[in-house]
Amino acid sequence: MTASLIETHETASVPGMTTPEPWLRGPIPEIVPVLQPVAHALVLTDETIRAVTADLSRYDLWRRPGGAASIGFHLAHLAGSTDRLLTYARDEQLSDNQRAALAREGTADADRPALDALLGEWGRVMDDALGQLRDTVETDLVEPRFVGRARLPSTVIGLLFHAAEHAARHTGQIVTTAKILSADR
């Protein structure tokens, strides 16, 4: 998360309680009220991913218990898909770099980038996402947007909401896979 947002979105001090989830810490500055749930979900995703992967070995990053997707794949896909959804929300088409990143997602289990690289890319996408939410004007939320070459219909708010819920879904898969891996140790 960007430093300015970290500094202004402080943890509430509640005796006997661990850090509250982002939605219980109050609004994130400079983001319109209707987009607060999107911002809070993305911040929670970021915090959860960083906590779950803090002590993850390179071996466990790429393990696929029961044939499930690896944590590394989820991290690569999470950064790439969030970036693509934000691009469509801005009414832009994917760049050549984004198309190349999409192709790399499909080979992540073979290429096995390091955890630091995966988290670095996710951090960049998170900073961009929160910046985009800050720059989004409420009256633009219902503007039509189109996804992919097929130009499937959506709206700005539809894409932003889907970015958050998609990130939450993959974060849940990361958490579950990490628990399975720790039980195997």
N, C-alpha and C. Protein backbone atom coordinates (compact mmCIF):
# COMPACT_ATOMS: atom_id res chain seq x y z
N MET A 1 0.86 -1.16 0.00
CA MET A 1 0.00 0.00 0.00
C MET A 1 0.90 1.23 0.00
N THR A 2 0.47 2.28 -0.64
CA THR A 2 1.29 3.47 -0.70
C THR A 2 1.49 4.03 0.70
N ALA A 3 2.64 4.66 0.91
CA ALA A 3 3.00 5.17 2.23
C ALA A 3 1.96 6.13 2.77
N SER A 4 1.44 7.03 1.92
CA SER A 4 0.46 8.01 2.41
C SER A 4 -0.81 7.33 2.89
N LEU A 5 -1.22 6.28 2.23
CA LEU A 5 -2.42 5.57 2.68
C LEU A 5 -2.15 4.79 3.95
N ILE A 6 -0.97 4.23 4.09
CA ILE A 6 -0.63 3.51 5.31
C ILE A 6 -0.67 4.46 6.49
N GLU A 7 -0.08 5.63 6.31
CA GLU A 7 0.01 6.60 7.41
C GLU A 7 -1.36 7.12 7.81
N THR A 8 -2.28 7.27 6.87
CA THR A 8 -3.58 7.87 7.18
C THR A 8 -4.66 6.85 7.45
N HIS A 9 -4.41 5.59 7.19
CA HIS A 9 -5.39 4.55 7.45
C HIS A 9 -4.87 3.71 8.60
N GLU A 10 -4.83 4.32 9.76
CA GLU A 10 -4.19 3.70 10.92
C GLU A 10 -5.08 2.66 11.57
N THR A 11 -4.43 1.81 12.33
CA THR A 11 -5.12 0.77 13.07
C THR A 11 -5.81 1.37 14.29
N ALA A 12 -7.04 0.98 14.47
CA ALA A 12 -7.76 1.42 15.67
C ALA A 12 -7.16 0.71 16.88
N SER A 13 -7.15 1.37 18.01
CA SER A 13 -6.61 0.78 19.22
C SER A 13 -7.76 0.24 20.06
N VAL A 14 -7.90 -1.07 20.04
CA VAL A 14 -8.96 -1.72 20.81
C VAL A 14 -8.29 -2.70 21.77
N PRO A 15 -8.43 -2.47 23.09
CA PRO A 15 -7.77 -3.35 24.06
C PRO A 15 -8.16 -4.82 23.85
N GLY A 16 -7.16 -5.69 23.83
CA GLY A 16 -7.40 -7.12 23.73
C GLY A 16 -7.75 -7.61 22.34
N MET A 17 -7.75 -6.73 21.37
CA MET A 17 -8.13 -7.12 20.01
C MET A 17 -6.92 -6.99 19.10
N THR A 18 -6.77 -7.96 18.20
CA THR A 18 -5.71 -7.84 17.21
C THR A 18 -6.12 -6.77 16.21
N THR A 19 -5.25 -6.48 15.29
CA THR A 19 -5.53 -5.44 14.31
C THR A 19 -6.85 -5.72 13.61
N PRO A 20 -7.76 -4.75 13.64
CA PRO A 20 -9.03 -4.94 12.94
C PRO A 20 -8.81 -5.02 11.43
N GLU A 21 -9.73 -5.67 10.74
CA GLU A 21 -9.67 -5.72 9.29
C GLU A 21 -9.82 -4.29 8.75
N PRO A 22 -9.33 -4.05 7.53
CA PRO A 22 -9.35 -2.69 7.00
C PRO A 22 -10.72 -2.00 7.03
N TRP A 23 -11.78 -2.72 6.80
CA TRP A 23 -13.10 -2.08 6.78
C TRP A 23 -13.52 -1.59 8.15
N LEU A 24 -12.85 -2.07 9.21
CA LEU A 24 -13.14 -1.62 10.57
C LEU A 24 -12.18 -0.54 11.04
N ARG A 25 -11.32 -0.06 10.16
CA ARG A 25 -10.36 0.99 10.50
C ARG A 25 -10.80 2.35 10.00
N GLY A 26 -11.95 2.41 9.39
CA GLY A 26 -12.44 3.68 8.87
C GLY A 26 -12.12 3.84 7.39
N PRO A 27 -12.60 4.94 6.83
CA PRO A 27 -12.40 5.15 5.39
C PRO A 27 -10.94 5.38 5.03
N ILE A 28 -10.59 4.95 3.85
CA ILE A 28 -9.27 5.22 3.29
C ILE A 28 -9.36 6.60 2.64
N PRO A 29 -8.48 7.50 3.03
CA PRO A 29 -8.56 8.88 2.55
C PRO A 29 -8.56 8.99 1.02
N GLU A 30 -9.31 9.97 0.56
CA GLU A 30 -9.35 10.37 -0.85
C GLU A 30 -10.05 9.38 -1.77
N ILE A 31 -10.69 8.37 -1.22
CA ILE A 31 -11.45 7.42 -2.04
C ILE A 31 -12.92 7.64 -1.74
N VAL A 32 -13.72 7.80 -2.81
CA VAL A 32 -15.14 8.10 -2.63
C VAL A 32 -15.81 6.99 -1.83
N PRO A 33 -16.82 7.34 -1.03
CA PRO A 33 -17.47 6.36 -0.15
C PRO A 33 -17.93 5.09 -0.84
N VAL A 34 -18.49 5.20 -2.02
CA VAL A 34 -19.02 4.02 -2.69
C VAL A 34 -17.91 3.03 -3.08
N LEU A 35 -16.67 3.50 -3.18
CA LEU A 35 -15.55 2.61 -3.53
C LEU A 35 -14.75 2.14 -2.31
N GLN A 36 -15.16 2.55 -1.11
CA GLN A 36 -14.47 2.10 0.09
C GLN A 36 -14.45 0.57 0.21
N PRO A 37 -15.57 -0.13 -0.06
CA PRO A 37 -15.51 -1.60 0.04
C PRO A 37 -14.49 -2.22 -0.91
N VAL A 38 -14.33 -1.66 -2.09
CA VAL A 38 -13.33 -2.15 -3.04
C VAL A 38 -11.93 -1.94 -2.46
N ALA A 39 -11.67 -0.73 -1.97
CA ALA A 39 -10.36 -0.42 -1.40
C ALA A 39 -10.07 -1.28 -0.18
N HIS A 40 -11.05 -1.42 0.71
CA HIS A 40 -10.84 -2.25 1.90
C HIS A 40 -10.57 -3.70 1.54
N ALA A 41 -11.29 -4.23 0.56
CA ALA A 41 -11.07 -5.62 0.15
C ALA A 41 -9.67 -5.80 -0.43
N LEU A 42 -9.21 -4.85 -1.22
CA LEU A 42 -7.87 -4.95 -1.78
C LEU A 42 -6.79 -4.84 -0.70
N VAL A 43 -6.98 -3.94 0.25
CA VAL A 43 -6.01 -3.81 1.35
C VAL A 43 -5.98 -5.10 2.18
N LEU A 44 -7.14 -5.66 2.47
CA LEU A 44 -7.19 -6.92 3.22
C LEU A 44 -6.49 -8.03 2.44
N THR A 45 -6.71 -8.08 1.15
CA THR A 45 -6.05 -9.06 0.30
C THR A 45 -4.53 -8.92 0.42
N ASP A 46 -4.05 -7.71 0.30
CA ASP A 46 -2.61 -7.45 0.38
C ASP A 46 -2.05 -7.89 1.73
N GLU A 47 -2.70 -7.47 2.80
CA GLU A 47 -2.22 -7.82 4.14
C GLU A 47 -2.23 -9.33 4.36
N THR A 48 -3.26 -9.99 3.90
CA THR A 48 -3.38 -11.44 4.08
C THR A 48 -2.29 -12.17 3.30
N ILE A 49 -2.10 -11.78 2.05
CA ILE A 49 -1.08 -12.43 1.22
C ILE A 49 0.30 -12.28 1.86
N ARG A 50 0.61 -11.09 2.31
CA ARG A 50 1.94 -10.86 2.89
C ARG A 50 2.14 -11.65 4.18
N ALA A 51 1.08 -11.78 4.98
CA ALA A 51 1.17 -12.56 6.21
C ALA A 51 1.33 -14.05 5.92
N VAL A 52 0.56 -14.56 4.99
CA VAL A 52 0.56 -16.00 4.69
C VAL A 52 1.86 -16.42 4.01
N THR A 53 2.44 -15.54 3.21
CA THR A 53 3.65 -15.93 2.47
C THR A 53 4.95 -15.55 3.19
N ALA A 54 4.86 -14.91 4.35
CA ALA A 54 6.05 -14.40 5.04
C ALA A 54 7.11 -15.47 5.26
N ASP A 55 6.73 -16.66 5.63
CA ASP A 55 7.70 -17.72 5.92
C ASP A 55 7.62 -18.87 4.92
N LEU A 56 7.08 -18.60 3.77
CA LEU A 56 6.88 -19.64 2.76
C LEU A 56 8.21 -19.98 2.08
N SER A 57 8.50 -21.25 1.98
CA SER A 57 9.73 -21.67 1.29
C SER A 57 9.49 -21.64 -0.22
N ARG A 58 10.57 -21.55 -0.96
CA ARG A 58 10.46 -21.58 -2.43
C ARG A 58 9.82 -22.89 -2.88
N TYR A 59 10.15 -23.97 -2.18
CA TYR A 59 9.56 -25.27 -2.50
C TYR A 59 8.04 -25.22 -2.33
N ASP A 60 7.58 -24.71 -1.20
CA ASP A 60 6.13 -24.65 -0.95
C ASP A 60 5.42 -23.66 -1.87
N LEU A 61 6.12 -22.61 -2.30
CA LEU A 61 5.53 -21.63 -3.21
C LEU A 61 5.03 -22.29 -4.48
N TRP A 62 5.70 -23.34 -4.92
CA TRP A 62 5.37 -23.97 -6.19
C TRP A 62 4.77 -25.37 -6.06
N ARG A 63 4.52 -25.82 -4.83
CA ARG A 63 3.87 -27.13 -4.65
C ARG A 63 2.42 -27.04 -5.08
N ARG A 64 1.89 -28.18 -5.55
CA ARG A 64 0.51 -28.25 -6.02
C ARG A 64 -0.20 -29.41 -5.33
N PRO A 65 -0.57 -29.24 -4.06
CA PRO A 65 -1.18 -30.35 -3.32
C PRO A 65 -2.49 -30.80 -3.97
N GLY A 66 -2.55 -32.09 -4.21
CA GLY A 66 -3.76 -32.66 -4.83
C GLY A 66 -4.04 -32.13 -6.22
N GLY A 67 -3.02 -31.56 -6.88
CA GLY A 67 -3.20 -31.02 -8.22
C GLY A 67 -3.75 -29.59 -8.24
N ALA A 68 -3.93 -29.00 -7.06
CA ALA A 68 -4.42 -27.61 -6.98
C ALA A 68 -3.37 -26.67 -7.55
N ALA A 69 -3.79 -25.49 -7.92
CA ALA A 69 -2.85 -24.48 -8.40
C ALA A 69 -1.89 -24.10 -7.27
N SER A 70 -0.67 -23.80 -7.63
CA SER A 70 0.34 -23.41 -6.64
C SER A 70 0.06 -21.99 -6.14
N ILE A 71 0.61 -21.70 -4.96
CA ILE A 71 0.52 -20.34 -4.43
C ILE A 71 1.21 -19.37 -5.39
N GLY A 72 2.32 -19.79 -5.97
CA GLY A 72 3.02 -18.94 -6.93
C GLY A 72 2.15 -18.59 -8.13
N PHE A 73 1.42 -19.59 -8.64
CA PHE A 73 0.51 -19.29 -9.75
C PHE A 73 -0.54 -18.27 -9.33
N HIS A 74 -1.15 -18.49 -8.16
CA HIS A 74 -2.18 -17.55 -7.70
C HIS A 74 -1.63 -16.13 -7.59
N LEU A 75 -0.41 -15.98 -7.08
CA LEU A 75 0.19 -14.65 -6.95
C LEU A 75 0.43 -14.01 -8.31
N ALA A 76 0.94 -14.79 -9.25
CA ALA A 76 1.18 -14.25 -10.60
C ALA A 76 -0.14 -13.86 -11.26
N HIS A 77 -1.13 -14.72 -11.14
CA HIS A 77 -2.43 -14.46 -11.76
C HIS A 77 -3.12 -13.27 -11.09
N LEU A 78 -3.02 -13.19 -9.78
CA LEU A 78 -3.66 -12.11 -9.03
C LEU A 78 -3.14 -10.75 -9.49
N ALA A 79 -1.84 -10.60 -9.62
CA ALA A 79 -1.27 -9.33 -10.07
C ALA A 79 -1.70 -9.05 -11.51
N GLY A 80 -1.58 -10.04 -12.37
CA GLY A 80 -1.90 -9.83 -13.78
C GLY A 80 -3.37 -9.54 -14.02
N SER A 81 -4.24 -10.31 -13.39
CA SER A 81 -5.67 -10.13 -13.63
C SER A 81 -6.16 -8.81 -13.06
N THR A 82 -5.65 -8.41 -11.89
CA THR A 82 -6.05 -7.13 -11.31
C THR A 82 -5.61 -5.99 -12.22
N ASP A 83 -4.39 -6.06 -12.71
CA ASP A 83 -3.88 -5.06 -13.63
C ASP A 83 -4.75 -4.97 -14.89
N ARG A 84 -5.14 -6.11 -15.44
CA ARG A 84 -5.97 -6.11 -16.65
C ARG A 84 -7.35 -5.53 -16.38
N LEU A 85 -7.96 -5.91 -15.27
CA LEU A 85 -9.29 -5.38 -14.94
C LEU A 85 -9.25 -3.86 -14.76
N LEU A 86 -8.20 -3.36 -14.12
CA LEU A 86 -8.06 -1.92 -13.94
C LEU A 86 -7.87 -1.20 -15.28
N THR A 87 -7.16 -1.85 -16.19
CA THR A 87 -6.97 -1.29 -17.53
C THR A 87 -8.32 -1.13 -18.24
N TYR A 88 -9.13 -2.17 -18.18
CA TYR A 88 -10.45 -2.08 -18.81
C TYR A 88 -11.32 -1.03 -18.13
N ALA A 89 -11.21 -0.89 -16.81
CA ALA A 89 -11.99 0.12 -16.10
C ALA A 89 -11.60 1.53 -16.54
N ARG A 90 -10.35 1.71 -16.96
CA ARG A 90 -9.90 3.02 -17.48
C ARG A 90 -10.27 3.20 -18.94
N ASP A 91 -10.96 2.22 -19.51
CA ASP A 91 -11.38 2.25 -20.92
C ASP A 91 -10.17 2.19 -21.86
N GLU A 92 -9.20 1.37 -21.46
CA GLU A 92 -8.01 1.16 -22.29
C GLU A 92 -7.95 -0.30 -22.71
N GLN A 93 -7.18 -0.55 -23.75
CA GLN A 93 -6.92 -1.92 -24.19
C GLN A 93 -5.60 -2.39 -23.59
N LEU A 94 -5.42 -3.70 -23.55
CA LEU A 94 -4.19 -4.25 -22.98
C LEU A 94 -2.98 -3.89 -23.84
N SER A 95 -1.88 -3.63 -23.15
CA SER A 95 -0.62 -3.33 -23.84
C SER A 95 0.06 -4.65 -24.22
N ASP A 96 1.09 -4.53 -25.04
CA ASP A 96 1.89 -5.71 -25.38
C ASP A 96 2.51 -6.32 -24.13
N ASN A 97 2.95 -5.47 -23.18
CA ASN A 97 3.53 -5.97 -21.93
C ASN A 97 2.49 -6.75 -21.12
N GLN A 98 1.26 -6.27 -21.09
CA GLN A 98 0.22 -6.99 -20.35
C GLN A 98 -0.11 -8.32 -21.02
N ARG A 99 -0.10 -8.36 -22.34
CA ARG A 99 -0.34 -9.63 -23.04
C ARG A 99 0.79 -10.61 -22.77
N ALA A 100 2.01 -10.10 -22.72
CA ALA A 100 3.16 -10.96 -22.40
C ALA A 100 3.06 -11.48 -20.98
N ALA A 101 2.63 -10.63 -20.05
CA ALA A 101 2.46 -11.06 -18.65
C ALA A 101 1.38 -12.13 -18.56
N LEU A 102 0.31 -11.99 -19.33
CA LEU A 102 -0.74 -13.01 -19.36
C LEU A 102 -0.18 -14.35 -19.84
N ALA A 103 0.64 -14.32 -20.86
CA ALA A 103 1.27 -15.55 -21.35
C ALA A 103 2.18 -16.16 -20.28
N ARG A 104 2.90 -15.32 -19.53
CA ARG A 104 3.79 -15.82 -18.47
C ARG A 104 3.00 -16.47 -17.34
N GLU A 105 1.77 -15.99 -17.09
CA GLU A 105 0.96 -16.62 -16.04
C GLU A 105 0.77 -18.10 -16.35
N GLY A 106 0.60 -18.42 -17.61
CA GLY A 106 0.39 -19.81 -18.01
C GLY A 106 1.62 -20.69 -17.84
N THR A 107 2.78 -20.09 -17.74
CA THR A 107 4.02 -20.86 -17.57
C THR A 107 4.66 -20.62 -16.21
N ALA A 108 3.94 -19.97 -15.31
CA ALA A 108 4.52 -19.63 -14.00
C ALA A 108 5.02 -20.86 -13.25
N ASP A 109 4.27 -21.96 -13.29
CA ASP A 109 4.70 -23.15 -12.56
C ASP A 109 5.99 -23.72 -13.13
N ALA A 110 6.25 -23.52 -14.41
CA ALA A 110 7.51 -23.98 -15.01
C ALA A 110 8.63 -22.97 -14.79
N ASP A 111 8.30 -21.67 -14.91
CA ASP A 111 9.31 -20.62 -14.78
C ASP A 111 9.70 -20.35 -13.33
N ARG A 112 8.77 -20.51 -12.42
CA ARG A 112 8.96 -20.37 -10.98
C ARG A 112 9.69 -19.09 -10.55
N PRO A 113 9.09 -17.93 -10.81
CA PRO A 113 9.72 -16.71 -10.31
C PRO A 113 9.80 -16.73 -8.79
N ALA A 114 10.73 -15.97 -8.24
CA ALA A 114 10.94 -15.91 -6.79
C ALA A 114 9.76 -15.18 -6.12
N LEU A 115 9.54 -15.51 -4.86
CA LEU A 115 8.47 -14.89 -4.10
C LEU A 115 8.62 -13.37 -4.06
N ASP A 116 9.84 -12.88 -3.87
CA ASP A 116 10.06 -11.43 -3.84
C ASP A 116 9.61 -10.77 -5.13
N ALA A 117 9.86 -11.40 -6.26
CA ALA A 117 9.45 -10.84 -7.55
C ALA A 117 7.92 -10.83 -7.66
N LEU A 118 7.29 -11.91 -7.23
CA LEU A 118 5.83 -11.99 -7.29
C LEU A 118 5.19 -10.95 -6.37
N LEU A 119 5.71 -10.83 -5.15
CA LEU A 119 5.16 -9.85 -4.21
C LEU A 119 5.47 -8.42 -4.68
N GLY A 120 6.60 -8.22 -5.30
CA GLY A 120 6.93 -6.90 -5.83
C GLY A 120 5.95 -6.47 -6.91
N GLU A 121 5.64 -7.39 -7.80
CA GLU A 121 4.67 -7.07 -8.85
C GLU A 121 3.28 -6.83 -8.26
N TRP A 122 2.89 -7.66 -7.29
CA TRP A 122 1.60 -7.46 -6.63
C TRP A 122 1.58 -6.10 -5.94
N GLY A 123 2.65 -5.71 -5.28
CA GLY A 123 2.72 -4.41 -4.62
C GLY A 123 2.57 -3.26 -5.60
N ARG A 124 3.19 -3.38 -6.76
CA ARG A 124 3.05 -2.35 -7.79
C ARG A 124 1.59 -2.24 -8.24
N VAL A 125 0.97 -3.39 -8.47
CA VAL A 125 -0.43 -3.40 -8.90
C VAL A 125 -1.32 -2.81 -7.81
N MET A 126 -1.04 -3.15 -6.55
CA MET A 126 -1.84 -2.59 -5.44
C MET A 126 -1.72 -1.07 -5.39
N ASP A 127 -0.51 -0.56 -5.51
CA ASP A 127 -0.33 0.90 -5.51
C ASP A 127 -1.11 1.54 -6.65
N ASP A 128 -1.02 0.93 -7.83
CA ASP A 128 -1.77 1.45 -8.98
C ASP A 128 -3.27 1.38 -8.74
N ALA A 129 -3.73 0.28 -8.15
CA ALA A 129 -5.16 0.10 -7.91
C ALA A 129 -5.68 1.16 -6.94
N LEU A 130 -4.98 1.37 -5.84
CA LEU A 130 -5.44 2.37 -4.88
C LEU A 130 -5.36 3.77 -5.46
N GLY A 131 -4.36 4.03 -6.28
CA GLY A 131 -4.28 5.31 -6.97
C GLY A 131 -5.45 5.51 -7.93
N GLN A 132 -5.78 4.44 -8.65
CA GLN A 132 -6.90 4.52 -9.58
C GLN A 132 -8.21 4.74 -8.83
N LEU A 133 -8.39 4.06 -7.70
CA LEU A 133 -9.60 4.27 -6.90
C LEU A 133 -9.67 5.71 -6.42
N ARG A 134 -8.54 6.27 -6.01
CA ARG A 134 -8.48 7.67 -5.56
C ARG A 134 -8.88 8.62 -6.69
N ASP A 135 -8.48 8.28 -7.91
CA ASP A 135 -8.74 9.15 -9.06
C ASP A 135 -10.11 8.94 -9.69
N THR A 136 -10.84 7.92 -9.25
CA THR A 136 -12.14 7.62 -9.85
C THR A 136 -13.21 8.56 -9.31
N VAL A 137 -13.92 9.17 -10.22
CA VAL A 137 -14.99 10.09 -9.88
C VAL A 137 -16.29 9.30 -9.81
N GLU A 138 -17.06 9.54 -8.76
CA GLU A 138 -18.27 8.75 -8.52
C GLU A 138 -19.23 8.77 -9.71
N THR A 139 -19.34 9.88 -10.39
CA THR A 139 -20.28 9.96 -11.52
C THR A 139 -19.85 9.10 -12.70
N ASP A 140 -18.58 8.66 -12.73
CA ASP A 140 -18.09 7.81 -13.82
C ASP A 140 -18.35 6.32 -13.59
N LEU A 141 -18.80 5.96 -12.40
CA LEU A 141 -18.91 4.54 -12.05
C LEU A 141 -19.87 3.75 -12.93
N VAL A 142 -20.89 4.39 -13.44
CA VAL A 142 -21.87 3.66 -14.27
C VAL A 142 -21.53 3.74 -15.76
N GLU A 143 -20.40 4.36 -16.09
CA GLU A 143 -19.99 4.44 -17.49
C GLU A 143 -19.73 3.04 -18.04
N PRO A 144 -20.19 2.78 -19.26
CA PRO A 144 -19.95 1.45 -19.84
C PRO A 144 -18.47 1.23 -20.15
N ARG A 145 -18.05 0.00 -19.97
CA ARG A 145 -16.71 -0.43 -20.31
C ARG A 145 -16.81 -1.78 -20.98
N PHE A 146 -15.77 -2.15 -21.71
CA PHE A 146 -15.79 -3.41 -22.45
C PHE A 146 -14.54 -4.20 -22.13
N VAL A 147 -14.70 -5.51 -22.03
CA VAL A 147 -13.63 -6.40 -21.58
C VAL A 147 -13.17 -7.28 -22.72
N GLY A 148 -11.88 -7.24 -22.97
CA GLY A 148 -11.25 -8.14 -23.91
C GLY A 148 -11.54 -7.84 -25.36
N ARG A 149 -10.98 -8.70 -26.20
CA ARG A 149 -11.19 -8.55 -27.64
C ARG A 149 -12.65 -8.77 -28.02
N ALA A 150 -13.35 -9.57 -27.24
CA ALA A 150 -14.78 -9.82 -27.50
C ALA A 150 -15.64 -8.63 -27.08
N ARG A 151 -15.02 -7.69 -26.35
CA ARG A 151 -15.71 -6.49 -25.89
C ARG A 151 -16.99 -6.83 -25.11
N LEU A 152 -16.82 -7.67 -24.11
CA LEU A 152 -17.94 -8.05 -23.26
C LEU A 152 -18.32 -6.84 -22.40
N PRO A 153 -19.62 -6.59 -22.23
CA PRO A 153 -20.06 -5.36 -21.57
C PRO A 153 -19.91 -5.41 -20.05
N SER A 154 -19.49 -4.27 -19.51
CA SER A 154 -19.42 -4.08 -18.07
C SER A 154 -19.55 -2.58 -17.80
N THR A 155 -19.21 -2.18 -16.59
CA THR A 155 -19.18 -0.77 -16.20
C THR A 155 -17.91 -0.54 -15.39
N VAL A 156 -17.61 0.72 -15.11
CA VAL A 156 -16.44 1.02 -14.28
C VAL A 156 -16.60 0.34 -12.93
N ILE A 157 -17.75 0.52 -12.28
CA ILE A 157 -17.92 -0.08 -10.94
C ILE A 157 -17.94 -1.61 -11.02
N GLY A 158 -18.48 -2.16 -12.09
CA GLY A 158 -18.47 -3.61 -12.25
C GLY A 158 -17.06 -4.16 -12.31
N LEU A 159 -16.19 -3.49 -13.05
CA LEU A 159 -14.80 -3.93 -13.16
C LEU A 159 -14.03 -3.74 -11.86
N LEU A 160 -14.24 -2.60 -11.20
CA LEU A 160 -13.55 -2.37 -9.94
C LEU A 160 -14.00 -3.36 -8.87
N PHE A 161 -15.31 -3.60 -8.79
CA PHE A 161 -15.82 -4.57 -7.82
C PHE A 161 -15.29 -5.96 -8.14
N HIS A 162 -15.29 -6.33 -9.42
CA HIS A 162 -14.81 -7.66 -9.78
C HIS A 162 -13.32 -7.81 -9.47
N ALA A 163 -12.54 -6.75 -9.65
CA ALA A 163 -11.12 -6.82 -9.30
C ALA A 163 -10.95 -7.17 -7.82
N ALA A 164 -11.77 -6.54 -6.97
CA ALA A 164 -11.67 -6.81 -5.53
C ALA A 164 -12.15 -8.21 -5.18
N GLU A 165 -13.28 -8.62 -5.72
CA GLU A 165 -13.79 -9.95 -5.35
C GLU A 165 -12.93 -11.06 -5.96
N HIS A 166 -12.37 -10.83 -7.12
CA HIS A 166 -11.48 -11.81 -7.74
C HIS A 166 -10.20 -11.94 -6.92
N ALA A 167 -9.68 -10.81 -6.44
CA ALA A 167 -8.49 -10.84 -5.59
C ALA A 167 -8.79 -11.59 -4.29
N ALA A 168 -9.98 -11.34 -3.72
CA ALA A 168 -10.35 -12.03 -2.48
C ALA A 168 -10.46 -13.54 -2.70
N ARG A 169 -11.01 -13.92 -3.83
CA ARG A 169 -11.16 -15.36 -4.15
C ARG A 169 -9.80 -16.03 -4.22
N HIS A 170 -8.86 -15.42 -4.94
CA HIS A 170 -7.53 -16.04 -5.06
C HIS A 170 -6.77 -15.99 -3.75
N THR A 171 -7.00 -14.97 -2.95
CA THR A 171 -6.38 -14.91 -1.63
C THR A 171 -6.87 -16.06 -0.77
N GLY A 172 -8.14 -16.35 -0.83
CA GLY A 172 -8.68 -17.50 -0.10
C GLY A 172 -8.04 -18.80 -0.54
N GLN A 173 -7.80 -18.94 -1.83
CA GLN A 173 -7.13 -20.14 -2.32
C GLN A 173 -5.69 -20.20 -1.84
N ILE A 174 -5.02 -19.06 -1.77
CA ILE A 174 -3.66 -19.02 -1.25
C ILE A 174 -3.64 -19.44 0.21
N VAL A 175 -4.55 -18.91 1.00
CA VAL A 175 -4.63 -19.26 2.43
C VAL A 175 -4.89 -20.75 2.60
N THR A 176 -5.85 -21.28 1.86
CA THR A 176 -6.18 -22.70 1.98
C THR A 176 -5.00 -23.58 1.58
N THR A 177 -4.36 -23.24 0.47
CA THR A 177 -3.21 -24.03 0.02
C THR A 177 -2.09 -23.97 1.06
N ALA A 178 -1.84 -22.80 1.61
CA ALA A 178 -0.79 -22.66 2.63
C ALA A 178 -1.10 -23.52 3.85
N LYS A 179 -2.38 -23.59 4.25
CA LYS A 179 -2.75 -24.43 5.40
C LYS A 179 -2.54 -25.90 5.09
N ILE A 180 -2.88 -26.30 3.89
CA ILE A 180 -2.66 -27.70 3.49
C ILE A 180 -1.17 -28.02 3.50
N LEU A 181 -0.37 -27.12 2.97
CA LEU A 181 1.08 -27.34 2.93
C LEU A 181 1.67 -27.40 4.34
N SER A 182 1.20 -26.55 5.23
CA SER A 182 1.74 -26.57 6.59
C SER A 182 1.33 -27.85 7.33
N ALA A 183 0.17 -28.39 7.01
CA ALA A 183 -0.26 -29.64 7.63
C ALA A 183 0.57 -30.83 7.12
N ASP A 184 1.08 -30.71 5.89
CA ASP A 184 1.91 -31.76 5.30
C ASP A 184 3.31 -31.81 5.89
N ARG A 185 3.75 -30.69 6.51
CA ARG A 185 5.12 -30.62 7.04
C ARG A 185 5.28 -31.43 8.28
